[in-house]
Amino acid sequence: PDADICNAFRTYKFVWQPGKISYFVDGMLKAVHTTNVPSAPAHFMINHWGTDSPGWGGYATIGTPRYFYVDWVAHTPLP
């Protein structure tokens, strides 16, 4: 994880192939997963879920507002 993901917009890229997904942040490859990755194409979806974890997403304190800002989204099918 990057230390400063909350104070600036970042560019995230996900490259899906059957059985494999690669994650990029600001153009740099951060992770490649090959387990539990769908083999069939699906719809693209963006959402925001609380985790109640201090290490990812923060505590889900009732009454605390949460914000998820998205500046733009693009989908480019692979040839």
N, C-alpha and C. Protein backbone atom coordinates (compact mmCIF):
# COMPACT_ATOMS: atom_id res chain seq x y z
N PRO A 1 0.82 -1.21 0.00
CA PRO A 1 0.00 0.00 0.00
C PRO A 1 0.86 1.26 0.00
N ASP A 2 0.36 2.27 -0.66
CA ASP A 2 1.05 3.56 -0.66
C ASP A 2 0.62 4.35 0.56
N ALA A 3 1.54 5.14 1.10
CA ALA A 3 1.26 5.87 2.33
C ALA A 3 0.32 7.05 2.12
N ASP A 4 0.33 7.68 0.93
CA ASP A 4 -0.41 8.91 0.75
C ASP A 4 -1.47 8.79 -0.34
N ILE A 5 -2.46 7.92 -0.16
CA ILE A 5 -3.49 7.76 -1.18
C ILE A 5 -4.70 8.65 -0.93
N CYS A 6 -4.74 9.36 0.19
CA CYS A 6 -5.92 10.14 0.53
C CYS A 6 -5.81 11.63 0.21
N ASN A 7 -4.63 12.13 -0.06
CA ASN A 7 -4.45 13.57 -0.20
C ASN A 7 -4.33 14.06 -1.63
N ALA A 8 -4.46 13.16 -2.60
CA ALA A 8 -4.37 13.57 -4.01
C ALA A 8 -5.08 12.52 -4.86
N PHE A 9 -5.51 12.94 -6.05
CA PHE A 9 -6.08 11.98 -6.98
C PHE A 9 -4.99 11.07 -7.48
N ARG A 10 -5.30 9.80 -7.65
CA ARG A 10 -4.37 8.82 -8.19
C ARG A 10 -5.01 8.20 -9.43
N THR A 11 -4.21 7.63 -10.29
CA THR A 11 -4.71 6.92 -11.46
C THR A 11 -4.55 5.43 -11.21
N TYR A 12 -5.67 4.73 -11.19
CA TYR A 12 -5.68 3.29 -10.98
C TYR A 12 -6.02 2.60 -12.29
N LYS A 13 -5.34 1.54 -12.57
CA LYS A 13 -5.58 0.77 -13.80
C LYS A 13 -5.63 -0.70 -13.44
N PHE A 14 -6.65 -1.37 -13.96
CA PHE A 14 -6.82 -2.80 -13.74
C PHE A 14 -6.84 -3.46 -15.10
N VAL A 15 -5.93 -4.38 -15.33
CA VAL A 15 -5.89 -5.10 -16.60
C VAL A 15 -6.32 -6.54 -16.33
N TRP A 16 -7.53 -6.86 -16.80
CA TRP A 16 -8.08 -8.19 -16.59
C TRP A 16 -7.85 -9.05 -17.82
N GLN A 17 -7.45 -10.28 -17.58
CA GLN A 17 -7.39 -11.33 -18.59
C GLN A 17 -7.98 -12.56 -17.91
N PRO A 18 -8.55 -13.50 -18.67
CA PRO A 18 -9.11 -14.68 -18.01
C PRO A 18 -8.09 -15.34 -17.07
N GLY A 19 -8.44 -15.39 -15.77
CA GLY A 19 -7.57 -16.02 -14.78
C GLY A 19 -6.44 -15.16 -14.26
N LYS A 20 -6.40 -13.87 -14.64
CA LYS A 20 -5.29 -13.00 -14.20
C LYS A 20 -5.76 -11.55 -14.20
N ILE A 21 -5.37 -10.80 -13.16
CA ILE A 21 -5.63 -9.36 -13.13
C ILE A 21 -4.39 -8.65 -12.60
N SER A 22 -4.01 -7.57 -13.28
CA SER A 22 -2.84 -6.77 -12.89
C SER A 22 -3.32 -5.41 -12.41
N TYR A 23 -2.77 -4.93 -11.32
CA TYR A 23 -3.15 -3.66 -10.71
C TYR A 23 -2.01 -2.66 -10.84
N PHE A 24 -2.34 -1.46 -11.32
CA PHE A 24 -1.37 -0.39 -11.48
C PHE A 24 -1.84 0.83 -10.69
N VAL A 25 -0.90 1.58 -10.12
CA VAL A 25 -1.20 2.86 -9.48
C VAL A 25 -0.24 3.88 -10.09
N ASP A 26 -0.81 4.92 -10.68
CA ASP A 26 -0.03 5.96 -11.34
C ASP A 26 0.97 5.37 -12.34
N GLY A 27 0.53 4.37 -13.08
CA GLY A 27 1.35 3.77 -14.13
C GLY A 27 2.35 2.72 -13.68
N MET A 28 2.44 2.47 -12.38
CA MET A 28 3.39 1.49 -11.86
C MET A 28 2.66 0.21 -11.46
N LEU A 29 3.14 -0.93 -11.95
CA LEU A 29 2.55 -2.21 -11.59
C LEU A 29 2.74 -2.45 -10.10
N LYS A 30 1.64 -2.72 -9.40
CA LYS A 30 1.71 -2.93 -7.95
C LYS A 30 1.46 -4.38 -7.56
N ALA A 31 0.63 -5.11 -8.33
CA ALA A 31 0.33 -6.49 -7.97
C ALA A 31 -0.26 -7.22 -9.16
N VAL A 32 -0.06 -8.53 -9.18
CA VAL A 32 -0.68 -9.41 -10.17
C VAL A 32 -1.31 -10.56 -9.40
N HIS A 33 -2.60 -10.79 -9.62
CA HIS A 33 -3.30 -11.89 -8.95
C HIS A 33 -3.72 -12.92 -9.99
N THR A 34 -3.52 -14.19 -9.63
CA THR A 34 -3.91 -15.27 -10.53
C THR A 34 -4.83 -16.29 -9.84
N THR A 35 -5.16 -16.05 -8.59
CA THR A 35 -6.10 -16.94 -7.90
C THR A 35 -7.41 -16.21 -7.67
N ASN A 36 -8.51 -16.93 -7.72
CA ASN A 36 -9.85 -16.38 -7.50
C ASN A 36 -10.17 -15.22 -8.45
N VAL A 37 -9.68 -15.31 -9.68
CA VAL A 37 -9.96 -14.29 -10.69
C VAL A 37 -10.94 -14.90 -11.70
N PRO A 38 -12.04 -14.23 -11.99
CA PRO A 38 -13.01 -14.78 -12.93
C PRO A 38 -12.40 -15.05 -14.30
N SER A 39 -12.90 -16.07 -14.96
CA SER A 39 -12.41 -16.41 -16.29
C SER A 39 -13.32 -15.87 -17.39
N ALA A 40 -14.51 -15.38 -17.03
CA ALA A 40 -15.45 -14.83 -18.01
C ALA A 40 -15.57 -13.32 -17.83
N PRO A 41 -15.70 -12.56 -18.92
CA PRO A 41 -15.89 -11.11 -18.80
C PRO A 41 -17.15 -10.78 -17.99
N ALA A 42 -17.13 -9.62 -17.35
CA ALA A 42 -18.27 -9.17 -16.54
C ALA A 42 -18.42 -7.66 -16.68
N HIS A 43 -19.44 -7.11 -16.03
CA HIS A 43 -19.66 -5.66 -16.06
C HIS A 43 -18.61 -4.95 -15.22
N PHE A 44 -18.31 -3.73 -15.59
CA PHE A 44 -17.39 -2.87 -14.85
C PHE A 44 -18.21 -2.11 -13.81
N MET A 45 -17.71 -2.06 -12.57
CA MET A 45 -18.46 -1.42 -11.50
C MET A 45 -17.49 -0.73 -10.55
N ILE A 46 -17.88 0.44 -10.07
CA ILE A 46 -17.10 1.17 -9.06
C ILE A 46 -18.00 1.31 -7.84
N ASN A 47 -17.47 0.99 -6.67
CA ASN A 47 -18.24 1.17 -5.45
C ASN A 47 -17.31 1.47 -4.28
N HIS A 48 -17.90 1.79 -3.17
CA HIS A 48 -17.14 2.15 -1.96
C HIS A 48 -17.73 1.37 -0.80
N TRP A 49 -16.93 0.52 -0.20
CA TRP A 49 -17.40 -0.28 0.93
C TRP A 49 -16.53 0.00 2.14
N GLY A 50 -17.14 0.20 3.29
CA GLY A 50 -16.39 0.30 4.53
C GLY A 50 -15.88 -1.08 4.95
N THR A 51 -14.76 -1.11 5.64
CA THR A 51 -14.17 -2.39 6.02
C THR A 51 -14.10 -2.61 7.53
N ASP A 52 -14.23 -1.53 8.30
CA ASP A 52 -14.08 -1.57 9.76
C ASP A 52 -12.71 -2.13 10.15
N SER A 53 -11.70 -1.75 9.37
CA SER A 53 -10.33 -2.21 9.60
C SER A 53 -9.39 -1.01 9.69
N PRO A 54 -8.50 -0.99 10.67
CA PRO A 54 -7.56 0.12 10.75
C PRO A 54 -6.54 0.10 9.62
N GLY A 55 -6.33 -1.07 8.99
CA GLY A 55 -5.33 -1.18 7.94
C GLY A 55 -5.85 -0.91 6.55
N TRP A 56 -7.16 -0.93 6.35
CA TRP A 56 -7.71 -0.69 5.01
C TRP A 56 -9.13 -0.19 5.15
N GLY A 57 -9.38 1.04 4.77
CA GLY A 57 -10.74 1.58 4.78
C GLY A 57 -11.12 2.30 6.05
N GLY A 58 -10.43 2.06 7.13
CA GLY A 58 -10.72 2.73 8.38
C GLY A 58 -11.87 2.10 9.15
N TYR A 59 -12.04 2.57 10.35
CA TYR A 59 -13.13 2.07 11.18
C TYR A 59 -14.47 2.58 10.69
N ALA A 60 -15.47 1.75 10.73
CA ALA A 60 -16.81 2.10 10.27
C ALA A 60 -17.62 2.68 11.42
N THR A 61 -17.24 3.85 11.88
CA THR A 61 -17.91 4.50 13.00
C THR A 61 -19.26 5.03 12.55
N ILE A 62 -20.31 4.67 13.24
CA ILE A 62 -21.65 5.14 12.91
C ILE A 62 -21.70 6.65 13.05
N GLY A 63 -22.29 7.30 12.04
CA GLY A 63 -22.43 8.76 12.06
C GLY A 63 -21.24 9.50 11.49
N THR A 64 -20.19 8.80 11.09
CA THR A 64 -19.01 9.43 10.49
C THR A 64 -19.17 9.45 8.98
N PRO A 65 -19.16 10.63 8.36
CA PRO A 65 -19.30 10.67 6.90
C PRO A 65 -18.09 10.06 6.20
N ARG A 66 -18.34 9.40 5.10
CA ARG A 66 -17.28 8.82 4.26
C ARG A 66 -17.44 9.41 2.87
N TYR A 67 -16.32 9.66 2.19
CA TYR A 67 -16.35 10.24 0.86
C TYR A 67 -15.51 9.41 -0.09
N PHE A 68 -15.95 9.31 -1.32
CA PHE A 68 -15.27 8.57 -2.36
C PHE A 68 -15.35 9.42 -3.62
N TYR A 69 -14.26 10.09 -3.96
CA TYR A 69 -14.25 11.00 -5.09
C TYR A 69 -13.67 10.31 -6.32
N VAL A 70 -14.39 10.39 -7.42
CA VAL A 70 -13.94 9.84 -8.69
C VAL A 70 -13.95 10.99 -9.70
N ASP A 71 -12.80 11.26 -10.29
CA ASP A 71 -12.68 12.35 -11.25
C ASP A 71 -13.09 11.90 -12.65
N TRP A 72 -12.68 10.72 -13.05
CA TRP A 72 -13.06 10.18 -14.37
C TRP A 72 -12.85 8.68 -14.39
N VAL A 73 -13.52 8.04 -15.35
CA VAL A 73 -13.42 6.60 -15.52
C VAL A 73 -13.37 6.32 -17.02
N ALA A 74 -12.56 5.36 -17.41
CA ALA A 74 -12.48 4.94 -18.81
C ALA A 74 -12.44 3.42 -18.86
N HIS A 75 -13.00 2.87 -19.91
CA HIS A 75 -12.95 1.43 -20.14
C HIS A 75 -12.41 1.21 -21.54
N THR A 76 -11.34 0.46 -21.65
CA THR A 76 -10.73 0.18 -22.96
C THR A 76 -10.63 -1.30 -23.14
N PRO A 77 -11.47 -1.90 -23.97
CA PRO A 77 -11.39 -3.34 -24.20
C PRO A 77 -10.06 -3.69 -24.89
N LEU A 78 -9.49 -4.80 -24.49
CA LEU A 78 -8.27 -5.28 -25.14
C LEU A 78 -8.63 -5.82 -26.53
N PRO A 79 -7.73 -5.63 -27.49
CA PRO A 79 -8.03 -6.13 -28.85
C PRO A 79 -8.07 -7.65 -28.90
